[in-house]
Amino acid sequence: MKLYHAPASPFVRKVMVLLHEAGALDRVAIIPASGNPLDPGTIPVDRNPLGKIPALERPDGPTLYDSRVITRYLDDLLQTGLYPTAPRLWDTLVIEATGDGIAESAVVMRYEMHVRPEASRSVAWAEAQWQKIDRALTALEERWLSQLSGPLDMGQVAVGAALGYLDFRHADRNWQALHPALAAWWAGFSARPSLASTAP
């Protein structure tokens, strides 16, 4: 298998954490790829027409893309158990979607303020993305901390990848001061070897 990879991507990080947890890094060749919405760069658009990473070439079918598709595939292939059975599965999927939503808004903010030409940038658009992030952080802190503190699953991994990206690209927002309980969880979770070794 080949994984198209950029170390700063929170979506790539999700896949890498799963591979670390499964002890399966040697089963996947890491192929550097980078690009953005204005220039796909080296992202393999012939394999992922959306021009995004991660993308996973597999021996038994077309290339997979979207991190949630890739992690479900690898979870099934490697039997990691990071997607639990129902009814807990539904909470895991909602938390994963929340983490992915935080990451998506954070990446959009980065593109808006650093990739688009300066004359075309919208501070209001970027702030609207941050409001989504802040609401999601509040929901995680108020509604999902008990699940985040439970057995490891892909919901936790997605949230961890998103929070790591916030620290990496949006540290000036100081999200941890506004969400201390979630920040305390992150301080412990980020020390996990699979998270520490994949930090951007």
N, C-alpha and C. Protein backbone atom coordinates (compact mmCIF):
# COMPACT_ATOMS: atom_id res chain seq x y z
N MET A 1 0.84 -1.19 0.00
CA MET A 1 0.00 0.00 0.00
C MET A 1 0.88 1.24 0.00
N LYS A 2 0.35 2.33 -0.56
CA LYS A 2 1.05 3.61 -0.59
C LYS A 2 0.14 4.67 0.00
N LEU A 3 0.68 5.46 0.93
CA LEU A 3 -0.08 6.54 1.55
C LEU A 3 0.51 7.87 1.11
N TYR A 4 -0.27 8.68 0.41
CA TYR A 4 0.16 10.02 0.04
C TYR A 4 0.01 10.91 1.27
N HIS A 5 1.09 11.57 1.64
CA HIS A 5 1.30 12.03 3.02
C HIS A 5 1.91 13.43 3.04
N ALA A 6 1.42 14.27 3.94
CA ALA A 6 2.07 15.53 4.29
C ALA A 6 2.02 15.61 5.81
N PRO A 7 3.15 15.83 6.47
CA PRO A 7 3.19 15.73 7.93
C PRO A 7 2.36 16.77 8.66
N ALA A 8 2.06 17.92 8.03
CA ALA A 8 1.27 18.94 8.71
C ALA A 8 -0.23 18.65 8.69
N SER A 9 -0.67 17.76 7.83
CA SER A 9 -2.10 17.51 7.66
C SER A 9 -2.68 16.75 8.85
N PRO A 10 -3.73 17.31 9.49
CA PRO A 10 -4.37 16.56 10.58
C PRO A 10 -5.07 15.30 10.09
N PHE A 11 -5.48 15.29 8.84
CA PHE A 11 -6.17 14.13 8.28
C PHE A 11 -5.19 13.00 8.00
N VAL A 12 -4.01 13.35 7.51
CA VAL A 12 -2.95 12.36 7.36
C VAL A 12 -2.55 11.83 8.74
N ARG A 13 -2.47 12.73 9.71
CA ARG A 13 -2.05 12.30 11.05
C ARG A 13 -2.98 11.24 11.61
N LYS A 14 -4.27 11.36 11.38
CA LYS A 14 -5.21 10.32 11.84
C LYS A 14 -4.81 8.95 11.34
N VAL A 15 -4.49 8.88 10.06
CA VAL A 15 -4.11 7.60 9.45
C VAL A 15 -2.81 7.10 10.06
N MET A 16 -1.86 8.00 10.23
CA MET A 16 -0.57 7.62 10.78
C MET A 16 -0.70 7.12 12.22
N VAL A 17 -1.54 7.76 13.01
CA VAL A 17 -1.75 7.29 14.39
C VAL A 17 -2.32 5.88 14.38
N LEU A 18 -3.31 5.63 13.52
CA LEU A 18 -3.85 4.27 13.43
C LEU A 18 -2.76 3.27 13.07
N LEU A 19 -1.92 3.59 12.09
CA LEU A 19 -0.85 2.68 11.70
C LEU A 19 0.14 2.45 12.84
N HIS A 20 0.46 3.50 13.58
CA HIS A 20 1.32 3.34 14.76
C HIS A 20 0.67 2.41 15.78
N GLU A 21 -0.59 2.66 16.08
CA GLU A 21 -1.29 1.86 17.09
C GLU A 21 -1.39 0.40 16.67
N ALA A 22 -1.51 0.17 15.37
CA ALA A 22 -1.62 -1.20 14.86
C ALA A 22 -0.27 -1.87 14.68
N GLY A 23 0.83 -1.12 14.85
CA GLY A 23 2.15 -1.69 14.58
C GLY A 23 2.32 -2.06 13.13
N ALA A 24 1.72 -1.26 12.24
CA ALA A 24 1.68 -1.63 10.82
C ALA A 24 2.36 -0.62 9.91
N LEU A 25 3.25 0.19 10.44
CA LEU A 25 3.92 1.19 9.60
C LEU A 25 4.70 0.55 8.46
N ASP A 26 5.20 -0.65 8.68
CA ASP A 26 5.99 -1.30 7.64
C ASP A 26 5.14 -1.84 6.50
N ARG A 27 3.83 -1.76 6.63
CA ARG A 27 2.95 -2.26 5.57
C ARG A 27 2.55 -1.17 4.57
N VAL A 28 2.98 0.06 4.83
CA VAL A 28 2.56 1.18 3.98
C VAL A 28 3.79 2.00 3.58
N ALA A 29 3.94 2.26 2.29
CA ALA A 29 4.99 3.16 1.81
C ALA A 29 4.47 4.59 1.89
N ILE A 30 5.26 5.47 2.49
CA ILE A 30 4.87 6.86 2.66
C ILE A 30 5.38 7.67 1.47
N ILE A 31 4.45 8.30 0.74
CA ILE A 31 4.79 9.07 -0.45
C ILE A 31 4.51 10.55 -0.16
N PRO A 32 5.54 11.40 -0.08
CA PRO A 32 5.30 12.82 0.18
C PRO A 32 4.44 13.44 -0.92
N ALA A 33 3.50 14.28 -0.50
CA ALA A 33 2.62 14.98 -1.44
C ALA A 33 2.18 16.29 -0.79
N SER A 34 2.11 17.34 -1.59
CA SER A 34 1.66 18.62 -1.04
C SER A 34 0.97 19.41 -2.12
N GLY A 35 0.08 20.28 -1.69
CA GLY A 35 -0.67 21.14 -2.59
C GLY A 35 -1.68 21.93 -1.80
N ASN A 36 -2.49 22.70 -2.50
CA ASN A 36 -3.54 23.48 -1.85
C ASN A 36 -4.66 23.71 -2.86
N PRO A 37 -5.77 24.34 -2.46
CA PRO A 37 -6.89 24.49 -3.39
C PRO A 37 -6.55 25.28 -4.66
N LEU A 38 -5.53 26.14 -4.60
CA LEU A 38 -5.15 26.91 -5.79
C LEU A 38 -4.15 26.18 -6.68
N ASP A 39 -3.46 25.20 -6.11
CA ASP A 39 -2.45 24.47 -6.85
C ASP A 39 -2.31 23.07 -6.25
N PRO A 40 -2.76 22.03 -6.96
CA PRO A 40 -2.70 20.68 -6.38
C PRO A 40 -1.28 20.16 -6.17
N GLY A 41 -0.30 20.85 -6.75
CA GLY A 41 1.08 20.47 -6.51
C GLY A 41 1.35 19.02 -6.87
N THR A 42 1.83 18.26 -5.88
CA THR A 42 2.17 16.85 -6.12
C THR A 42 1.10 15.89 -5.60
N ILE A 43 -0.04 16.42 -5.23
CA ILE A 43 -1.14 15.55 -4.82
C ILE A 43 -1.62 14.77 -6.05
N PRO A 44 -1.82 13.46 -5.93
CA PRO A 44 -2.14 12.64 -7.12
C PRO A 44 -3.61 12.78 -7.54
N VAL A 45 -3.89 13.82 -8.34
CA VAL A 45 -5.28 14.08 -8.74
C VAL A 45 -5.81 12.99 -9.66
N ASP A 46 -4.92 12.20 -10.25
CA ASP A 46 -5.40 11.08 -11.06
C ASP A 46 -5.94 9.96 -10.18
N ARG A 47 -5.53 9.95 -8.89
CA ARG A 47 -6.01 8.94 -7.96
C ARG A 47 -7.10 9.50 -7.03
N ASN A 48 -6.98 10.77 -6.67
CA ASN A 48 -8.03 11.44 -5.91
C ASN A 48 -8.42 12.70 -6.67
N PRO A 49 -9.52 12.67 -7.40
CA PRO A 49 -9.90 13.83 -8.22
C PRO A 49 -10.21 15.07 -7.40
N LEU A 50 -10.43 14.93 -6.08
CA LEU A 50 -10.68 16.09 -5.23
C LEU A 50 -9.40 16.84 -4.90
N GLY A 51 -8.24 16.23 -5.21
CA GLY A 51 -6.98 16.91 -4.98
C GLY A 51 -6.66 17.10 -3.51
N LYS A 52 -6.97 16.09 -2.69
CA LYS A 52 -6.72 16.18 -1.26
C LYS A 52 -5.91 14.97 -0.79
N ILE A 53 -5.28 15.14 0.35
CA ILE A 53 -4.63 14.03 1.02
C ILE A 53 -5.25 13.88 2.41
N PRO A 54 -5.18 12.67 2.97
CA PRO A 54 -4.48 11.49 2.50
C PRO A 54 -5.23 10.78 1.37
N ALA A 55 -4.45 10.01 0.63
CA ALA A 55 -5.00 9.07 -0.34
C ALA A 55 -4.21 7.78 -0.17
N LEU A 56 -4.91 6.66 -0.21
CA LEU A 56 -4.27 5.36 0.03
C LEU A 56 -4.44 4.47 -1.18
N GLU A 57 -3.33 4.17 -1.86
CA GLU A 57 -3.34 3.17 -2.92
C GLU A 57 -3.35 1.80 -2.25
N ARG A 58 -4.23 0.94 -2.72
CA ARG A 58 -4.32 -0.41 -2.14
C ARG A 58 -4.22 -1.44 -3.24
N PRO A 59 -3.85 -2.65 -2.89
CA PRO A 59 -3.66 -3.67 -3.92
C PRO A 59 -4.95 -4.29 -4.43
N ASP A 60 -6.05 -4.05 -3.72
CA ASP A 60 -7.28 -4.78 -4.04
C ASP A 60 -8.41 -3.88 -4.54
N GLY A 61 -8.06 -2.71 -5.08
CA GLY A 61 -9.12 -1.85 -5.58
C GLY A 61 -8.62 -0.45 -5.84
N PRO A 62 -9.53 0.46 -6.23
CA PRO A 62 -9.14 1.84 -6.50
C PRO A 62 -8.58 2.52 -5.25
N THR A 63 -7.85 3.60 -5.49
CA THR A 63 -7.30 4.39 -4.39
C THR A 63 -8.42 4.92 -3.51
N LEU A 64 -8.20 4.83 -2.20
CA LEU A 64 -9.16 5.35 -1.23
C LEU A 64 -8.78 6.77 -0.85
N TYR A 65 -9.77 7.62 -0.64
CA TYR A 65 -9.52 8.96 -0.14
C TYR A 65 -10.62 9.38 0.80
N ASP A 66 -10.31 10.44 1.54
CA ASP A 66 -11.03 10.90 2.73
C ASP A 66 -10.54 10.07 3.91
N SER A 67 -10.06 10.78 4.93
CA SER A 67 -9.43 10.07 6.05
C SER A 67 -10.38 9.09 6.71
N ARG A 68 -11.67 9.41 6.78
CA ARG A 68 -12.61 8.49 7.44
C ARG A 68 -12.79 7.20 6.65
N VAL A 69 -12.72 7.28 5.34
CA VAL A 69 -12.79 6.07 4.53
C VAL A 69 -11.52 5.24 4.74
N ILE A 70 -10.37 5.91 4.72
CA ILE A 70 -9.10 5.20 4.86
C ILE A 70 -8.99 4.54 6.24
N THR A 71 -9.38 5.25 7.29
CA THR A 71 -9.26 4.66 8.62
C THR A 71 -10.24 3.52 8.82
N ARG A 72 -11.42 3.59 8.23
CA ARG A 72 -12.35 2.45 8.33
C ARG A 72 -11.78 1.24 7.59
N TYR A 73 -11.19 1.49 6.43
CA TYR A 73 -10.58 0.40 5.67
C TYR A 73 -9.44 -0.24 6.45
N LEU A 74 -8.54 0.58 6.98
CA LEU A 74 -7.39 0.05 7.72
C LEU A 74 -7.82 -0.62 9.02
N ASP A 75 -8.83 -0.07 9.67
CA ASP A 75 -9.34 -0.69 10.89
C ASP A 75 -9.85 -2.09 10.59
N ASP A 76 -10.55 -2.24 9.48
CA ASP A 76 -11.07 -3.56 9.09
C ASP A 76 -9.92 -4.48 8.67
N LEU A 77 -8.99 -3.96 7.89
CA LEU A 77 -7.88 -4.77 7.39
C LEU A 77 -6.97 -5.24 8.53
N LEU A 78 -6.66 -4.31 9.45
CA LEU A 78 -5.68 -4.60 10.50
C LEU A 78 -6.32 -5.04 11.81
N GLN A 79 -7.65 -5.01 11.85
CA GLN A 79 -8.39 -5.44 13.05
C GLN A 79 -7.91 -4.68 14.30
N THR A 80 -7.87 -3.35 14.17
CA THR A 80 -7.42 -2.53 15.30
C THR A 80 -8.47 -2.34 16.38
N GLY A 81 -9.73 -2.47 16.02
CA GLY A 81 -10.79 -2.25 17.00
C GLY A 81 -11.00 -0.79 17.36
N LEU A 82 -10.51 0.14 16.54
CA LEU A 82 -10.66 1.57 16.85
C LEU A 82 -12.04 2.10 16.49
N TYR A 83 -12.82 1.30 15.81
CA TYR A 83 -14.25 1.59 15.63
C TYR A 83 -15.00 0.52 16.42
N PRO A 84 -15.54 0.87 17.58
CA PRO A 84 -16.21 -0.13 18.42
C PRO A 84 -17.54 -0.55 17.81
N THR A 85 -18.17 -1.52 18.42
CA THR A 85 -19.48 -1.95 17.96
C THR A 85 -20.55 -1.02 18.52
N ALA A 86 -21.72 -1.05 17.89
CA ALA A 86 -22.86 -0.28 18.38
C ALA A 86 -23.26 -0.81 19.76
N PRO A 87 -23.79 0.02 20.65
CA PRO A 87 -24.17 1.42 20.42
C PRO A 87 -23.03 2.43 20.59
N ARG A 88 -21.88 2.04 21.14
CA ARG A 88 -20.80 3.00 21.36
C ARG A 88 -20.27 3.55 20.03
N LEU A 89 -20.42 2.77 18.95
CA LEU A 89 -19.94 3.20 17.64
C LEU A 89 -20.48 4.57 17.26
N TRP A 90 -21.76 4.82 17.56
CA TRP A 90 -22.38 6.08 17.10
C TRP A 90 -21.73 7.27 17.78
N ASP A 91 -21.41 7.14 19.07
CA ASP A 91 -20.71 8.22 19.75
C ASP A 91 -19.32 8.42 19.14
N THR A 92 -18.62 7.33 18.86
CA THR A 92 -17.29 7.42 18.25
C THR A 92 -17.36 8.15 16.92
N LEU A 93 -18.35 7.83 16.10
CA LEU A 93 -18.46 8.46 14.79
C LEU A 93 -18.79 9.94 14.90
N VAL A 94 -19.64 10.31 15.86
CA VAL A 94 -19.97 11.73 16.06
C VAL A 94 -18.73 12.49 16.53
N ILE A 95 -17.99 11.90 17.45
CA ILE A 95 -16.77 12.56 17.94
C ILE A 95 -15.75 12.66 16.81
N GLU A 96 -15.61 11.62 16.02
CA GLU A 96 -14.70 11.69 14.87
C GLU A 96 -15.12 12.80 13.91
N ALA A 97 -16.41 12.89 13.63
CA ALA A 97 -16.90 13.95 12.74
C ALA A 97 -16.65 15.33 13.34
N THR A 98 -16.76 15.45 14.65
CA THR A 98 -16.49 16.73 15.31
C THR A 98 -15.02 17.09 15.19
N GLY A 99 -14.14 16.12 15.46
CA GLY A 99 -12.71 16.37 15.29
C GLY A 99 -12.37 16.74 13.85
N ASP A 100 -12.92 16.01 12.90
CA ASP A 100 -12.65 16.31 11.49
C ASP A 100 -13.20 17.69 11.12
N GLY A 101 -14.34 18.06 11.68
CA GLY A 101 -14.91 19.38 11.40
C GLY A 101 -14.02 20.50 11.94
N ILE A 102 -13.48 20.31 13.14
CA ILE A 102 -12.53 21.28 13.68
C ILE A 102 -11.33 21.41 12.75
N ALA A 103 -10.78 20.27 12.36
CA ALA A 103 -9.61 20.29 11.48
C ALA A 103 -9.92 20.96 10.15
N GLU A 104 -11.08 20.65 9.59
CA GLU A 104 -11.44 21.23 8.29
C GLU A 104 -11.54 22.75 8.39
N SER A 105 -12.20 23.25 9.43
CA SER A 105 -12.32 24.70 9.59
C SER A 105 -10.96 25.35 9.83
N ALA A 106 -10.11 24.67 10.59
CA ALA A 106 -8.78 25.21 10.88
C ALA A 106 -7.92 25.26 9.61
N VAL A 107 -8.03 24.25 8.77
CA VAL A 107 -7.29 24.25 7.51
C VAL A 107 -7.82 25.34 6.58
N VAL A 108 -9.14 25.48 6.52
CA VAL A 108 -9.74 26.54 5.69
C VAL A 108 -9.25 27.92 6.14
N MET A 109 -9.17 28.12 7.46
CA MET A 109 -8.64 29.40 7.96
C MET A 109 -7.22 29.62 7.48
N ARG A 110 -6.42 28.59 7.57
CA ARG A 110 -5.03 28.68 7.13
C ARG A 110 -4.95 29.05 5.65
N TYR A 111 -5.74 28.38 4.82
CA TYR A 111 -5.74 28.69 3.39
C TYR A 111 -6.21 30.12 3.13
N GLU A 112 -7.26 30.52 3.84
CA GLU A 112 -7.83 31.85 3.62
C GLU A 112 -6.81 32.95 3.89
N MET A 113 -6.07 32.81 4.97
CA MET A 113 -5.18 33.89 5.40
C MET A 113 -3.75 33.76 4.89
N HIS A 114 -3.39 32.60 4.32
CA HIS A 114 -2.01 32.42 3.90
C HIS A 114 -1.84 31.94 2.46
N VAL A 115 -2.90 31.46 1.84
CA VAL A 115 -2.79 30.95 0.47
C VAL A 115 -3.47 31.88 -0.53
N ARG A 116 -4.65 32.37 -0.17
CA ARG A 116 -5.35 33.27 -1.09
C ARG A 116 -4.58 34.58 -1.23
N PRO A 117 -4.66 35.22 -2.39
CA PRO A 117 -4.03 36.54 -2.54
C PRO A 117 -4.57 37.50 -1.48
N GLU A 118 -3.70 38.36 -0.99
CA GLU A 118 -4.08 39.22 0.14
C GLU A 118 -5.33 40.04 -0.14
N ALA A 119 -5.47 40.54 -1.35
CA ALA A 119 -6.62 41.38 -1.68
C ALA A 119 -7.94 40.60 -1.66
N SER A 120 -7.85 39.28 -1.75
CA SER A 120 -9.07 38.46 -1.79
C SER A 120 -9.42 37.86 -0.43
N ARG A 121 -8.59 38.06 0.56
CA ARG A 121 -8.82 37.42 1.86
C ARG A 121 -10.00 38.05 2.59
N SER A 122 -10.69 37.20 3.35
CA SER A 122 -11.82 37.66 4.15
C SER A 122 -11.60 37.31 5.61
N VAL A 123 -11.34 38.32 6.41
CA VAL A 123 -11.19 38.11 7.84
C VAL A 123 -12.50 37.59 8.43
N ALA A 124 -13.63 38.11 7.94
CA ALA A 124 -14.93 37.67 8.45
C ALA A 124 -15.14 36.18 8.19
N TRP A 125 -14.72 35.71 7.02
CA TRP A 125 -14.84 34.28 6.69
C TRP A 125 -13.98 33.45 7.64
N ALA A 126 -12.75 33.90 7.87
CA ALA A 126 -11.88 33.18 8.78
C ALA A 126 -12.46 33.15 10.19
N GLU A 127 -13.01 34.26 10.63
CA GLU A 127 -13.60 34.31 11.98
C GLU A 127 -14.82 33.40 12.08
N ALA A 128 -15.58 33.30 11.00
CA ALA A 128 -16.73 32.39 11.01
C ALA A 128 -16.27 30.95 11.18
N GLN A 129 -15.13 30.61 10.57
CA GLN A 129 -14.58 29.27 10.76
C GLN A 129 -14.16 29.06 12.21
N TRP A 130 -13.57 30.09 12.82
CA TRP A 130 -13.16 29.94 14.21
C TRP A 130 -14.36 29.76 15.13
N GLN A 131 -15.47 30.42 14.82
CA GLN A 131 -16.67 30.24 15.64
C GLN A 131 -17.15 28.79 15.60
N LYS A 132 -17.06 28.15 14.44
CA LYS A 132 -17.40 26.73 14.35
C LYS A 132 -16.47 25.91 15.25
N ILE A 133 -15.19 26.22 15.18
CA ILE A 133 -14.22 25.49 16.00
C ILE A 133 -14.52 25.67 17.47
N ASP A 134 -14.78 26.90 17.88
CA ASP A 134 -15.02 27.17 19.30
C ASP A 134 -16.28 26.45 19.79
N ARG A 135 -17.32 26.43 18.98
CA ARG A 135 -18.54 25.69 19.36
C ARG A 135 -18.26 24.21 19.50
N ALA A 136 -17.46 23.67 18.58
CA ALA A 136 -17.14 22.25 18.64
C ALA A 136 -16.28 21.92 19.86
N LEU A 137 -15.33 22.79 20.20
CA LEU A 137 -14.52 22.57 21.40
C LEU A 137 -15.39 22.58 22.65
N THR A 138 -16.34 23.50 22.69
CA THR A 138 -17.26 23.55 23.83
C THR A 138 -18.07 22.27 23.93
N ALA A 139 -18.57 21.78 22.79
CA ALA A 139 -19.35 20.54 22.80
C ALA A 139 -18.51 19.38 23.29
N LEU A 140 -17.27 19.29 22.82
CA LEU A 140 -16.40 18.21 23.28
C LEU A 140 -16.19 18.28 24.78
N GLU A 141 -15.98 19.47 25.29
CA GLU A 141 -15.71 19.64 26.71
C GLU A 141 -16.94 19.36 27.56
N GLU A 142 -18.08 19.81 27.10
CA GLU A 142 -19.30 19.69 27.91
C GLU A 142 -20.02 18.36 27.74
N ARG A 143 -19.84 17.71 26.58
CA ARG A 143 -20.67 16.55 26.26
C ARG A 143 -19.88 15.25 26.12
N TRP A 144 -18.60 15.33 25.73
CA TRP A 144 -17.92 14.13 25.29
C TRP A 144 -16.66 13.77 26.07
N LEU A 145 -16.36 14.47 27.15
CA LEU A 145 -15.10 14.19 27.86
C LEU A 145 -15.04 12.77 28.40
N SER A 146 -16.17 12.24 28.85
CA SER A 146 -16.13 10.88 29.40
C SER A 146 -15.77 9.87 28.30
N GLN A 147 -16.29 10.06 27.09
CA GLN A 147 -15.95 9.17 25.99
C GLN A 147 -14.50 9.37 25.56
N LEU A 148 -14.05 10.61 25.55
CA LEU A 148 -12.65 10.88 25.19
C LEU A 148 -11.69 10.21 26.17
N SER A 149 -12.14 10.04 27.40
CA SER A 149 -11.28 9.43 28.43
C SER A 149 -11.42 7.92 28.50
N GLY A 150 -12.25 7.34 27.63
CA GLY A 150 -12.48 5.90 27.65
C GLY A 150 -11.46 5.16 26.80
N PRO A 151 -11.78 3.90 26.44
CA PRO A 151 -10.88 3.11 25.60
C PRO A 151 -10.58 3.82 24.28
N LEU A 152 -9.36 3.66 23.78
CA LEU A 152 -8.94 4.35 22.57
C LEU A 152 -9.85 4.01 21.40
N ASP A 153 -10.27 5.05 20.67
CA ASP A 153 -11.05 4.85 19.45
C ASP A 153 -10.72 5.97 18.46
N MET A 154 -11.31 5.90 17.27
CA MET A 154 -10.98 6.87 16.24
C MET A 154 -11.57 8.24 16.52
N GLY A 155 -12.57 8.32 17.36
CA GLY A 155 -13.06 9.63 17.78
C GLY A 155 -11.97 10.39 18.51
N GLN A 156 -11.32 9.72 19.45
CA GLN A 156 -10.23 10.35 20.18
C GLN A 156 -9.09 10.72 19.24
N VAL A 157 -8.76 9.84 18.33
CA VAL A 157 -7.66 10.10 17.39
C VAL A 157 -7.96 11.33 16.54
N ALA A 158 -9.19 11.44 16.04
CA ALA A 158 -9.56 12.59 15.22
C ALA A 158 -9.50 13.89 16.01
N VAL A 159 -9.99 13.87 17.24
CA VAL A 159 -9.93 15.06 18.08
C VAL A 159 -8.48 15.41 18.37
N GLY A 160 -7.67 14.41 18.68
CA GLY A 160 -6.26 14.66 18.94
C GLY A 160 -5.56 15.29 17.75
N ALA A 161 -5.82 14.77 16.55
CA ALA A 161 -5.21 15.34 15.35
C ALA A 161 -5.65 16.78 15.14
N ALA A 162 -6.92 17.06 15.42
CA ALA A 162 -7.43 18.42 15.25
C ALA A 162 -6.82 19.38 16.26
N LEU A 163 -6.74 18.96 17.51
CA LEU A 163 -6.18 19.84 18.54
C LEU A 163 -4.70 20.08 18.28
N GLY A 164 -3.99 19.05 17.83
CA GLY A 164 -2.59 19.24 17.47
C GLY A 164 -2.42 20.25 16.35
N TYR A 165 -3.35 20.25 15.39
CA TYR A 165 -3.28 21.21 14.30
C TYR A 165 -3.57 22.62 14.80
N LEU A 166 -4.51 22.75 15.72
CA LEU A 166 -4.77 24.07 16.31
C LEU A 166 -3.52 24.60 16.99
N ASP A 167 -2.84 23.75 17.76
CA ASP A 167 -1.62 24.17 18.42
C ASP A 167 -0.55 24.56 17.39
N PHE A 168 -0.50 23.86 16.28
CA PHE A 168 0.54 24.06 15.27
C PHE A 168 0.29 25.32 14.44
N ARG A 169 -0.94 25.50 13.99
CA ARG A 169 -1.24 26.59 13.05
C ARG A 169 -1.96 27.79 13.67
N HIS A 170 -2.61 27.58 14.81
CA HIS A 170 -3.44 28.65 15.39
C HIS A 170 -3.18 28.83 16.88
N ALA A 171 -1.92 28.72 17.27
CA ALA A 171 -1.57 28.82 18.69
C ALA A 171 -1.97 30.18 19.28
N ASP A 172 -1.99 31.22 18.43
CA ASP A 172 -2.33 32.55 18.91
C ASP A 172 -3.78 32.64 19.40
N ARG A 173 -4.60 31.69 19.03
CA ARG A 173 -6.01 31.69 19.48
C ARG A 173 -6.14 31.23 20.93
N ASN A 174 -5.13 30.55 21.45
CA ASN A 174 -5.09 30.13 22.86
C ASN A 174 -6.36 29.38 23.27
N TRP A 175 -6.74 28.40 22.46
CA TRP A 175 -7.97 27.65 22.72
C TRP A 175 -7.93 26.96 24.08
N GLN A 176 -6.75 26.58 24.55
CA GLN A 176 -6.64 25.82 25.79
C GLN A 176 -7.09 26.62 27.00
N ALA A 177 -6.84 27.93 26.98
CA ALA A 177 -7.25 28.76 28.11
C ALA A 177 -8.77 28.83 28.23
N LEU A 178 -9.46 28.72 27.10
CA LEU A 178 -10.92 28.81 27.10
C LEU A 178 -11.60 27.47 27.33
N HIS A 179 -10.84 26.39 27.21
CA HIS A 179 -11.39 25.04 27.35
C HIS A 179 -10.45 24.21 28.21
N PRO A 180 -10.34 24.53 29.49
CA PRO A 180 -9.31 23.91 30.34
C PRO A 180 -9.47 22.42 30.55
N ALA A 181 -10.70 21.93 30.62
CA ALA A 181 -10.88 20.49 30.82
C ALA A 181 -10.45 19.71 29.58
N LEU A 182 -10.81 20.22 28.42
CA LEU A 182 -10.38 19.58 27.17
C LEU A 182 -8.86 19.70 27.03
N ALA A 183 -8.30 20.83 27.42
CA ALA A 183 -6.85 21.01 27.36
C ALA A 183 -6.13 20.02 28.26
N ALA A 184 -6.71 19.75 29.43
CA ALA A 184 -6.10 18.78 30.35
C ALA A 184 -6.12 17.39 29.74
N TRP A 185 -7.23 17.03 29.10
CA TRP A 185 -7.29 15.74 28.41
C TRP A 185 -6.22 15.68 27.32
N TRP A 186 -6.10 16.74 26.54
CA TRP A 186 -5.15 16.77 25.44
C TRP A 186 -3.71 16.66 25.94
N ALA A 187 -3.42 17.27 27.07
CA ALA A 187 -2.06 17.20 27.62
C ALA A 187 -1.66 15.75 27.87
N GLY A 188 -2.58 14.95 28.37
CA GLY A 188 -2.28 13.54 28.60
C GLY A 188 -2.29 12.74 27.31
N PHE A 189 -3.28 12.98 26.47
CA PHE A 189 -3.43 12.18 25.26
C PHE A 189 -2.29 12.43 24.28
N SER A 190 -1.82 13.67 24.19
CA SER A 190 -0.78 14.01 23.23
C SER A 190 0.57 13.37 23.57
N ALA A 191 0.70 12.89 24.82
CA ALA A 191 1.94 12.20 25.20
C ALA A 191 1.96 10.74 24.76
N ARG A 192 0.83 10.24 24.29
CA ARG A 192 0.78 8.87 23.80
C ARG A 192 1.79 8.71 22.67
N PRO A 193 2.59 7.62 22.62
CA PRO A 193 3.64 7.52 21.61
C PRO A 193 3.16 7.72 20.17
N SER A 194 1.99 7.21 19.83
CA SER A 194 1.50 7.37 18.45
C SER A 194 1.18 8.82 18.13
N LEU A 195 0.81 9.60 19.13
CA LEU A 195 0.57 11.03 18.92
C LEU A 195 1.87 11.81 18.94
N ALA A 196 2.71 11.51 19.88
CA ALA A 196 3.99 12.24 20.01
C ALA A 196 4.84 12.06 18.75
N SER A 197 4.83 10.87 18.18
CA SER A 197 5.69 10.60 17.02
C SER A 197 5.12 11.13 15.71
N THR A 198 3.87 11.59 15.71
CA THR A 198 3.26 12.11 14.49
C THR A 198 2.97 13.60 14.57
N ALA A 199 3.47 14.27 15.62
CA ALA A 199 3.20 15.70 15.78
C ALA A 199 3.80 16.49 14.61
N PRO A 200 3.07 17.46 14.08
CA PRO A 200 3.62 18.25 12.96
C PRO A 200 4.74 19.16 13.44
